C-alpha atoms as a PDB file:
ATOM      1  CA  MET A   1       0.000   0.000   0.000  1.00  0.00           C
ATOM      2  CA  SER A   2       1.521   3.321  -1.047  1.00  0.00           C
ATOM      3  CA  ARG A   3       1.933   6.227   1.328  1.00  0.00           C
ATOM      4  CA  ASP A   4       0.154   8.950  -0.594  1.00  0.00           C
ATOM      5  CA  LEU A   5      -1.963  10.879   1.938  1.00  0.00           C
ATOM      6  CA  THR A   6      -1.326  14.003   3.999  1.00  0.00           C
ATOM      7  CA  TYR A   7      -3.277  14.305   7.253  1.00  0.00           C
ATOM      8  CA  PHE A   8      -4.089  17.456   9.219  1.00  0.00           C
ATOM      9  CA  ILE A   9      -5.263  17.552  12.817  1.00  0.00           C
ATOM     10  CA  SER A  10      -5.540  20.232  15.505  1.00  0.00           C
ATOM     11  CA  ASP A  11      -6.917  21.136  18.920  1.00  0.00           C
ATOM     12  CA  LEU A  12      -6.610  17.764  20.618  1.00  0.00           C
ATOM     13  CA  HIS A  13      -6.104  19.491  23.995  1.00  0.00           C
ATOM     14  CA  LEU A  14      -4.587  16.365  25.490  1.00  0.00           C
ATOM     15  CA  GLY A  15      -4.369  16.640  29.263  1.00  0.00           C
ATOM     16  CA  ALA A  16      -7.137  19.231  29.613  1.00  0.00           C
ATOM     17  CA  SER A  17      -8.779  19.097  33.032  1.00  0.00           C
ATOM     18  CA  TYR A  18     -12.272  19.452  31.531  1.00  0.00           C
ATOM     19  CA  ILE A  19     -12.009  16.203  29.550  1.00  0.00           C
ATOM     20  CA  GLU A  20     -13.912  13.524  31.472  1.00  0.00           C
ATOM     21  CA  SER A  21     -11.692  10.543  30.656  1.00  0.00           C
ATOM     22  CA  PRO A  22      -8.134  11.624  29.770  1.00  0.00           C
ATOM     23  CA  ARG A  23      -6.940   8.046  29.212  1.00  0.00           C
ATOM     24  CA  GLU A  24      -9.825   7.261  26.858  1.00  0.00           C
ATOM     25  CA  HIS A  25      -9.255  10.557  25.056  1.00  0.00           C
ATOM     26  CA  GLU A  26      -5.586   9.736  24.522  1.00  0.00           C
ATOM     27  CA  ARG A  27      -6.444   6.186  23.426  1.00  0.00           C
ATOM     28  CA  ARG A  28      -8.777   7.489  20.724  1.00  0.00           C
ATOM     29  CA  VAL A  29      -6.065   9.805  19.390  1.00  0.00           C
ATOM     30  CA  VAL A  30      -3.536   6.961  19.405  1.00  0.00           C
ATOM     31  CA  ASP A  31      -5.994   4.686  17.577  1.00  0.00           C
ATOM     32  CA  PHE A  32      -6.340   7.356  14.914  1.00  0.00           C
ATOM     33  CA  LEU A  33      -2.572   7.735  14.525  1.00  0.00           C
ATOM     34  CA  ARG A  34      -2.141   3.992  14.128  1.00  0.00           C
ATOM     35  CA  SER A  35      -5.017   3.825  11.638  1.00  0.00           C
ATOM     36  CA  ILE A  36      -3.349   6.321   9.299  1.00  0.00           C
ATOM     37  CA  ALA A  37       0.111   4.734   9.477  1.00  0.00           C
ATOM     38  CA  PRO A  38      -0.207   2.529   6.342  1.00  0.00           C
ATOM     39  CA  ARG A  39      -0.994   5.422   3.985  1.00  0.00           C
ATOM     40  CA  ALA A  40       0.383   8.523   5.706  1.00  0.00           C
ATOM     41  CA  ARG A  41       3.026  10.390   3.738  1.00  0.00           C
ATOM     42  CA  ARG A  42       2.962  13.228   6.243  1.00  0.00           C
ATOM     43  CA  LEU A  43       1.045  14.409   9.291  1.00  0.00           C
ATOM     44  CA  VAL A  44       0.599  18.071  10.206  1.00  0.00           C
ATOM     45  CA  LEU A  45      -0.448  18.923  13.759  1.00  0.00           C
ATOM     46  CA  LEU A  46      -1.797  22.478  13.763  1.00  0.00           C
ATOM     47  CA  GLY A  47      -1.446  23.423  17.396  1.00  0.00           C
ATOM     48  CA  ASP A  48      -3.158  23.045  20.754  1.00  0.00           C
ATOM     49  CA  VAL A  49      -2.253  19.388  20.539  1.00  0.00           C
ATOM     50  CA  LEU A  50      -1.440  19.531  24.251  1.00  0.00           C
ATOM     51  CA  ASP A  51      -3.598  21.618  26.543  1.00  0.00           C
ATOM     52  CA  TYR A  52      -0.430  22.760  28.310  1.00  0.00           C
ATOM     53  CA  TRP A  53       3.239  21.989  27.944  1.00  0.00           C
ATOM     54  CA  TRP A  54       6.251  23.653  29.485  1.00  0.00           C
ATOM     55  CA  GLU A  55       9.540  22.181  28.372  1.00  0.00           C
ATOM     56  CA  TYR A  56      12.125  22.132  31.138  1.00  0.00           C
ATOM     57  CA  THR A  57      15.827  21.685  30.447  1.00  0.00           C
ATOM     58  CA  THR A  58      16.273  18.399  32.314  1.00  0.00           C
ATOM     59  CA  VAL A  59      12.788  17.356  33.478  1.00  0.00           C
ATOM     60  CA  VAL A  60       9.979  15.882  31.361  1.00  0.00           C
ATOM     61  CA  PRO A  61       6.373  16.656  32.439  1.00  0.00           C
ATOM     62  CA  ARG A  62       4.355  13.521  33.162  1.00  0.00           C
ATOM     63  CA  GLY A  63       1.704  12.152  30.812  1.00  0.00           C
ATOM     64  CA  TYR A  64       1.142  11.686  27.074  1.00  0.00           C
ATOM     65  CA  THR A  65       3.284   8.512  26.976  1.00  0.00           C
ATOM     66  CA  ARG A  66       1.149   6.578  24.491  1.00  0.00           C
ATOM     67  CA  PHE A  67       0.598   9.627  22.309  1.00  0.00           C
ATOM     68  CA  PHE A  68       4.290  10.486  22.093  1.00  0.00           C
ATOM     69  CA  GLY A  69       5.060   6.829  21.420  1.00  0.00           C
ATOM     70  CA  ALA A  70       2.559   6.675  18.535  1.00  0.00           C
ATOM     71  CA  LEU A  71       4.046   9.835  17.004  1.00  0.00           C
ATOM     72  CA  ALA A  72       7.545   8.394  17.345  1.00  0.00           C
ATOM     73  CA  GLU A  73       6.406   5.204  15.589  1.00  0.00           C
ATOM     74  CA  LEU A  74       5.155   7.275  12.666  1.00  0.00           C
ATOM     75  CA  ALA A  75       8.399   9.245  12.494  1.00  0.00           C
ATOM     76  CA  ASP A  76      10.517   6.095  12.706  1.00  0.00           C
ATOM     77  CA  SER A  77       8.560   4.524   9.858  1.00  0.00           C
ATOM     78  CA  GLY A  78       9.329   7.466   7.577  1.00  0.00           C
ATOM     79  CA  VAL A  79       6.228   9.637   7.978  1.00  0.00           C
ATOM     80  CA  GLU A  80       7.036  13.345   7.670  1.00  0.00           C
ATOM     81  CA  LEU A  81       5.800  15.114  10.814  1.00  0.00           C
ATOM     82  CA  HIS A  82       5.146  18.837  11.298  1.00  0.00           C
ATOM     83  CA  TRP A  83       3.945  20.459  14.540  1.00  0.00           C
ATOM     84  CA  LEU A  84       2.737  24.070  14.513  1.00  0.00           C
ATOM     85  CA  LYS A  85       2.645  25.776  17.888  1.00  0.00           C
ATOM     86  CA  GLY A  86      -0.776  26.838  19.129  1.00  0.00           C
ATOM     87  CA  ASN A  87      -1.700  29.143  21.980  1.00  0.00           C
ATOM     88  CA  HIS A  88      -1.740  26.226  24.451  1.00  0.00           C
ATOM     89  CA  ASP A  89       1.447  24.430  23.416  1.00  0.00           C
ATOM     90  CA  ILE A  90       3.616  27.507  22.819  1.00  0.00           C
ATOM     91  CA  TRP A  91       6.452  26.347  25.042  1.00  0.00           C
ATOM     92  CA  ILE A  92       7.761  23.446  23.008  1.00  0.00           C
ATOM     93  CA  PHE A  93      11.444  24.068  22.370  1.00  0.00           C
ATOM     94  CA  ASP A  94      13.853  21.310  21.295  1.00  0.00           C
ATOM     95  CA  TYR A  95      13.182  18.246  23.451  1.00  0.00           C
ATOM     96  CA  LEU A  96      10.061  16.885  21.714  1.00  0.00           C
ATOM     97  CA  PRO A  97      11.206  17.687  18.153  1.00  0.00           C
ATOM     98  CA  ASN A  98      14.522  15.926  18.751  1.00  0.00           C
ATOM     99  CA  GLU A  99      13.158  12.935  20.682  1.00  0.00           C
ATOM    100  CA  ILE A 100      10.121  12.231  18.496  1.00  0.00           C
ATOM    101  CA  GLY A 101      11.427  13.479  15.168  1.00  0.00           C
ATOM    102  CA  PHE A 102       9.206  16.271  13.893  1.00  0.00           C
ATOM    103  CA  THR A 103       9.741  19.743  12.450  1.00  0.00           C
ATOM    104  CA  LEU A 104       8.486  22.499  14.757  1.00  0.00           C
ATOM    105  CA  HIS A 105       6.937  25.680  13.346  1.00  0.00           C
ATOM    106  CA  ASP A 106       6.061  28.866  15.213  1.00  0.00           C
ATOM    107  CA  GLY A 107       3.699  30.907  13.065  1.00  0.00           C
ATOM    108  CA  ILE A 108       2.860  30.458   9.394  1.00  0.00           C
ATOM    109  CA  MET A 109       4.031  27.372   7.530  1.00  0.00           C
ATOM    110  CA  THR A 110       3.910  27.337   3.731  1.00  0.00           C
ATOM    111  CA  ALA A 111       4.423  24.325   1.492  1.00  0.00           C
ATOM    112  CA  GLU A 112       3.856  23.127  -2.041  1.00  0.00           C
ATOM    113  CA  TRP A 113       2.555  19.566  -2.262  1.00  0.00           C
ATOM    114  CA  ASP A 114       1.439  17.839  -5.432  1.00  0.00           C
ATOM    115  CA  GLY A 115       1.508  21.112  -7.339  1.00  0.00           C
ATOM    116  CA  ARG A 116      -0.729  22.957  -4.849  1.00  0.00           C
ATOM    117  CA  ARG A 117       0.230  25.778  -2.489  1.00  0.00           C
ATOM    118  CA  PHE A 118      -0.680  25.389   1.193  1.00  0.00           C
ATOM    119  CA  LEU A 119      -0.589  27.989   3.950  1.00  0.00           C
ATOM    120  CA  LEU A 120      -0.991  26.604   7.449  1.00  0.00           C
ATOM    121  CA  GLU A 121      -1.258  28.330  10.816  1.00  0.00           C
ATOM    122  CA  HIS A 122      -2.848  27.448  14.120  1.00  0.00           C
ATOM    123  CA  GLY A 123      -5.256  30.364  13.664  1.00  0.00           C
ATOM    124  CA  ASP A 124      -4.321  32.482  16.660  1.00  0.00           C
ATOM    125  CA  GLY A 125      -1.738  34.584  14.831  1.00  0.00           C
ATOM    126  CA  VAL A 126      -3.618  35.885  11.786  1.00  0.00           C
ATOM    127  CA  GLY A 127      -6.818  37.783  11.166  1.00  0.00           C
ATOM    128  CA  ARG A 128      -8.729  40.058  13.520  1.00  0.00           C
ATOM    129  CA  LEU A 129      -7.785  39.314  17.130  1.00  0.00           C
ATOM    130  CA  PRO A 130      -8.845  41.013  20.379  1.00  0.00           C
ATOM    131  CA  THR A 131      -6.242  43.432  21.719  1.00  0.00           C
ATOM    132  CA  SER A 132      -6.026  41.557  25.017  1.00  0.00           C
ATOM    133  CA  PHE A 133      -5.291  38.310  23.176  1.00  0.00           C
ATOM    134  CA  ARG A 134      -2.586  39.975  21.062  1.00  0.00           C
ATOM    135  CA  ILE A 135      -0.896  41.288  24.212  1.00  0.00           C
ATOM    136  CA  LEU A 136      -0.975  37.868  25.899  1.00  0.00           C
ATOM    137  CA  ARG A 137       0.309  36.176  22.759  1.00  0.00           C
ATOM    138  CA  ARG A 138       3.259  38.548  22.582  1.00  0.00           C
ATOM    139  CA  LEU A 139       3.973  38.140  26.297  1.00  0.00           C
ATOM    140  CA  PHE A 140       3.914  34.338  26.141  1.00  0.00           C
ATOM    141  CA  ARG A 141       6.476  34.386  23.317  1.00  0.00           C
ATOM    142  CA  ASN A 142       8.770  36.920  24.980  1.00  0.00           C
ATOM    143  CA  ARG A 143      12.143  35.287  25.748  1.00  0.00           C
ATOM    144  CA  PHE A 144      12.684  37.253  28.967  1.00  0.00           C
ATOM    145  CA  ALA A 145       9.182  36.439  30.234  1.00  0.00           C
ATOM    146  CA  GLN A 146       9.788  32.766  29.435  1.00  0.00           C
ATOM    147  CA  TRP A 147      13.083  32.864  31.332  1.00  0.00           C
ATOM    148  CA  LEU A 148      11.367  34.325  34.413  1.00  0.00           C
ATOM    149  CA  TYR A 149       8.510  31.828  34.185  1.00  0.00           C
ATOM    150  CA  SER A 150      10.974  28.926  34.116  1.00  0.00           C
ATOM    151  CA  PHE A 151      11.927  29.670  37.745  1.00  0.00           C
ATOM    152  CA  LEU A 152       8.393  28.989  39.001  1.00  0.00           C
ATOM    153  CA  PRO A 153       7.809  25.504  40.466  1.00  0.00           C
ATOM    154  CA  PRO A 154       5.835  23.075  38.242  1.00  0.00           C
ATOM    155  CA  ARG A 155       3.215  22.447  40.956  1.00  0.00           C
ATOM    156  CA  LEU A 156       2.261  26.099  40.701  1.00  0.00           C
ATOM    157  CA  THR A 157       2.500  26.594  36.955  1.00  0.00           C
ATOM    158  CA  ILE A 158       0.743  23.401  35.825  1.00  0.00           C
ATOM    159  CA  GLY A 159      -2.251  23.925  38.117  1.00  0.00           C
ATOM    160  CA  PHE A 160      -2.489  27.564  37.101  1.00  0.00           C
ATOM    161  CA  ALA A 161      -2.295  26.773  33.373  1.00  0.00           C
ATOM    162  CA  HIS A 162      -4.989  24.076  33.463  1.00  0.00           C
ATOM    163  CA  GLY A 163      -7.213  26.284  35.606  1.00  0.00           C
ATOM    164  CA  TRP A 164      -6.883  29.119  33.117  1.00  0.00           C
ATOM    165  CA  SER A 165      -7.657  26.757  30.242  1.00  0.00           C
ATOM    166  CA  SER A 166     -10.808  25.465  31.948  1.00  0.00           C
ATOM    167  CA  HIS A 167     -11.963  29.000  32.704  1.00  0.00           C
ATOM    168  CA  SER A 168     -11.414  30.024  29.074  1.00  0.00           C
ATOM    169  CA  ARG A 169     -13.330  26.954  27.893  1.00  0.00           C
ATOM    170  CA  ARG A 170     -16.306  27.783  30.137  1.00  0.00           C
ATOM    171  CA  LYS A 171     -16.322  31.352  28.831  1.00  0.00           C
ATOM    172  CA  GLY A 172     -16.301  30.158  25.234  1.00  0.00           C
ATOM    173  CA  GLY A 173     -12.710  31.064  24.420  1.00  0.00           C
ATOM    174  CA  GLN A 174     -11.281  34.375  23.267  1.00  0.00           C
ATOM    175  CA  MET A 175     -13.152  34.628  19.967  1.00  0.00           C
ATOM    176  CA  LYS A 176     -16.875  35.086  19.400  1.00  0.00           C
ATOM    177  CA  LEU A 177     -17.781  33.846  15.936  1.00  0.00           C
ATOM    178  CA  PRO A 178     -20.930  34.730  13.985  1.00  0.00           C
ATOM    179  CA  ALA A 179     -23.460  31.920  13.743  1.00  0.00           C
ATOM    180  CA  ASP A 180     -23.456  31.966   9.925  1.00  0.00           C
ATOM    181  CA  GLN A 181     -19.663  32.420   9.621  1.00  0.00           C
ATOM    182  CA  ALA A 182     -20.279  35.196   7.083  1.00  0.00           C
ATOM    183  CA  ASP A 183     -17.430  37.332   8.379  1.00  0.00           C
ATOM    184  CA  ASN A 184     -15.124  34.763   9.928  1.00  0.00           C
ATOM    185  CA  PRO A 185     -11.807  36.589  10.548  1.00  0.00           C
ATOM    186  CA  LEU A 186      -9.742  33.722   9.122  1.00  0.00           C
ATOM    187  CA  VAL A 187     -11.769  33.761   5.910  1.00  0.00           C
ATOM    188  CA  GLU A 188     -11.386  37.543   5.679  1.00  0.00           C
ATOM    189  CA  TRP A 189      -7.631  37.294   6.197  1.00  0.00           C
ATOM    190  CA  ALA A 190      -7.248  34.538   3.579  1.00  0.00           C
ATOM    191  CA  GLU A 191      -9.362  36.487   1.089  1.00  0.00           C
ATOM    192  CA  GLU A 192      -7.172  39.554   1.535  1.00  0.00           C
ATOM    193  CA  TYR A 193      -4.000  37.454   1.327  1.00  0.00           C
ATOM    194  CA  ASN A 194      -4.901  36.006  -2.068  1.00  0.00           C
ATOM    195  CA  MET A 195      -6.026  39.416  -3.319  1.00  0.00           C
ATOM    196  CA  THR A 196      -2.596  40.871  -2.504  1.00  0.00           C
ATOM    197  CA  HIS A 197      -0.531  37.841  -3.598  1.00  0.00           C
ATOM    198  CA  ARG A 198      -1.935  37.350  -7.083  1.00  0.00           C
ATOM    199  CA  GLN A 199       1.306  35.897  -8.422  1.00  0.00           C
ATOM    200  CA  ALA A 200       1.572  33.359  -5.623  1.00  0.00           C
ATOM    201  CA  LYS A 201      -1.974  32.566  -4.588  1.00  0.00           C
ATOM    202  CA  VAL A 202      -2.594  29.909  -1.964  1.00  0.00           C
ATOM    203  CA  ASP A 203      -4.785  26.982  -2.950  1.00  0.00           C
ATOM    204  CA  TYR A 204      -5.527  25.802   0.598  1.00  0.00           C
ATOM    205  CA  PHE A 205      -5.462  27.791   3.826  1.00  0.00           C
ATOM    206  CA  VAL A 206      -5.646  25.338   6.731  1.00  0.00           C
ATOM    207  CA  PHE A 207      -6.302  26.473  10.316  1.00  0.00           C
ATOM    208  CA  GLY A 208      -7.318  25.190  13.731  1.00  0.00           C
ATOM    209  CA  HIS A 209      -8.020  27.239  16.873  1.00  0.00           C
ATOM    210  CA  GLN A 210     -11.679  28.080  16.302  1.00  0.00           C
ATOM    211  CA  HIS A 211     -13.011  24.582  17.159  1.00  0.00           C
ATOM    212  CA  ILE A 212     -15.385  24.668  14.186  1.00  0.00           C
ATOM    213  CA  LEU A 213     -15.605  22.720  10.932  1.00  0.00           C
ATOM    214  CA  LEU A 214     -15.377  25.000   7.922  1.00  0.00           C
ATOM    215  CA  ASP A 215     -14.676  24.494   4.226  1.00  0.00           C
ATOM    216  CA  ARG A 216     -15.126  27.758   2.334  1.00  0.00           C
ATOM    217  CA  GLU A 217     -14.375  28.743  -1.262  1.00  0.00           C
ATOM    218  CA  LEU A 218     -12.763  32.183  -1.582  1.00  0.00           C
ATOM    219  CA  GLN A 219     -13.807  34.794  -4.124  1.00  0.00           C
ATOM    220  CA  ALA A 220     -10.116  35.455  -4.813  1.00  0.00           C
ATOM    221  CA  GLY A 221      -9.527  31.739  -5.441  1.00  0.00           C
ATOM    222  CA  GLY A 222      -8.503  28.983  -3.072  1.00  0.00           C
ATOM    223  CA  ARG A 223     -10.217  27.478  -0.055  1.00  0.00           C
ATOM    224  CA  VAL A 224     -10.184  27.969   3.693  1.00  0.00           C
ATOM    225  CA  ILE A 225     -10.319  24.877   5.890  1.00  0.00           C
ATOM    226  CA  VAL A 226     -10.851  24.966   9.670  1.00  0.00           C
ATOM    227  CA  LEU A 227     -10.253  21.528  11.138  1.00  0.00           C
ATOM    228  CA  GLY A 228     -12.619  21.376  14.126  1.00  0.00           C
ATOM    229  CA  ASP A 229     -11.268  19.723  17.275  1.00  0.00           C
ATOM    230  CA  TRP A 230     -10.921  16.481  19.246  1.00  0.00           C
ATOM    231  CA  ILE A 231     -13.065  17.525  22.192  1.00  0.00           C
ATOM    232  CA  ASP A 232     -16.446  16.724  20.662  1.00  0.00           C
ATOM    233  CA  LYS A 233     -15.913  16.600  16.867  1.00  0.00           C
ATOM    234  CA  PHE A 234     -12.935  14.206  16.474  1.00  0.00           C
ATOM    235  CA  SER A 235     -12.303  15.654  13.037  1.00  0.00           C
ATOM    236  CA  TYR A 236      -9.330  15.891  10.723  1.00  0.00           C
ATOM    237  CA  GLY A 237      -8.368  16.795   7.171  1.00  0.00           C
ATOM    238  CA  VAL A 238      -6.964  14.645   4.369  1.00  0.00           C
ATOM    239  CA  TRP A 239      -5.172  15.694   1.176  1.00  0.00           C
ATOM    240  CA  ASP A 240      -4.952  12.873  -1.366  1.00  0.00           C
ATOM    241  CA  GLY A 241      -2.931  14.694  -4.001  1.00  0.00           C
ATOM    242  CA  THR A 242      -5.916  16.074  -5.889  1.00  0.00           C
ATOM    243  CA  SER A 243      -8.593  16.959  -3.319  1.00  0.00           C
ATOM    244  CA  PHE A 244      -8.994  17.973   0.324  1.00  0.00           C
ATOM    245  CA  SER A 245     -11.693  16.459   2.549  1.00  0.00           C
ATOM    246  CA  LEU A 246     -12.804  16.773   6.162  1.00  0.00           C
ATOM    247  CA  LYS A 247     -13.526  13.566   8.053  1.00  0.00           C
ATOM    248  CA  LYS A 248     -14.441  12.336  11.526  1.00  0.00           C
ATOM    249  CA  PHE A 249     -12.973   9.429  13.475  1.00  0.00           C
ATOM    250  CA  ASP A 250     -15.722   7.673  15.422  1.00  0.00           C
ATOM    251  CA  GLU A 251     -15.484   5.548  18.560  1.00  0.00           C
ATOM    252  CA  SER A 252     -15.406   2.327  16.565  1.00  0.00           C
ATOM    253  CA  GLY A 253     -12.280   3.457  14.731  1.00  0.00           C
ATOM    254  CA  GLU A 254     -14.068   4.212  11.457  1.00  0.00           C
ATOM    255  CA  SER A 255     -13.639   7.409   9.454  1.00  0.00           C
ATOM    256  CA  THR A 256     -16.632   9.146   7.911  1.00  0.00           C
ATOM    257  CA  SER A 257     -16.994  12.274   5.799  1.00  0.00           C
ATOM    258  CA  CYS A 258     -18.128  15.454   7.527  1.00  0.00           C
END
């Protein structure tokens, strides 16, 4: 069986305190990773894969053993892995990329696959964003702030981070989206991008972050895909070399079209 498919997945939020059965949640993700192994050419993880991760110099945070192992199996078998930082897993540095074997991206990733241009981003760094979110995003990526934060004990930081995540989840996140998605900020940004890059238009913009499923044709050409999440949708994207589709991975291990 040839490896001819590219898979896209985002917003797994592994380890989140609001997920009822963390072990079952991780098992479902691992089952998905093993199911794609025979045909996966590459896998792109578009951020918020972990609900929180702080990478210490000499200490590894507990958890995610089966998930990391399944990713390592894919990498060892020759699958090309890419991980884009989200707003929950910002603080991945060099340990996981080196140990597992993936390429880490912070911000926009562009690629040309099978003669098509792709632009990928978690979704928290482009488009209209609240001022408060922009400030926090800049602070979390500030090297000096990260250095200061590294001196705090893990018992304090891990509890604080998961508490903040749960509070944000209860409040509906940082972004209020219109019910009909008519003026989705990611769609607006992609539309403007292709209008101003006429000589190098993007065929597929792929995002996470918003926790919705979206497949929208742009007036300027190209499509915008938002991948959903693995909290209640269990959705992912597939590129087969000629077309892009959104699918769901159900509890029985079967994939169905969205």
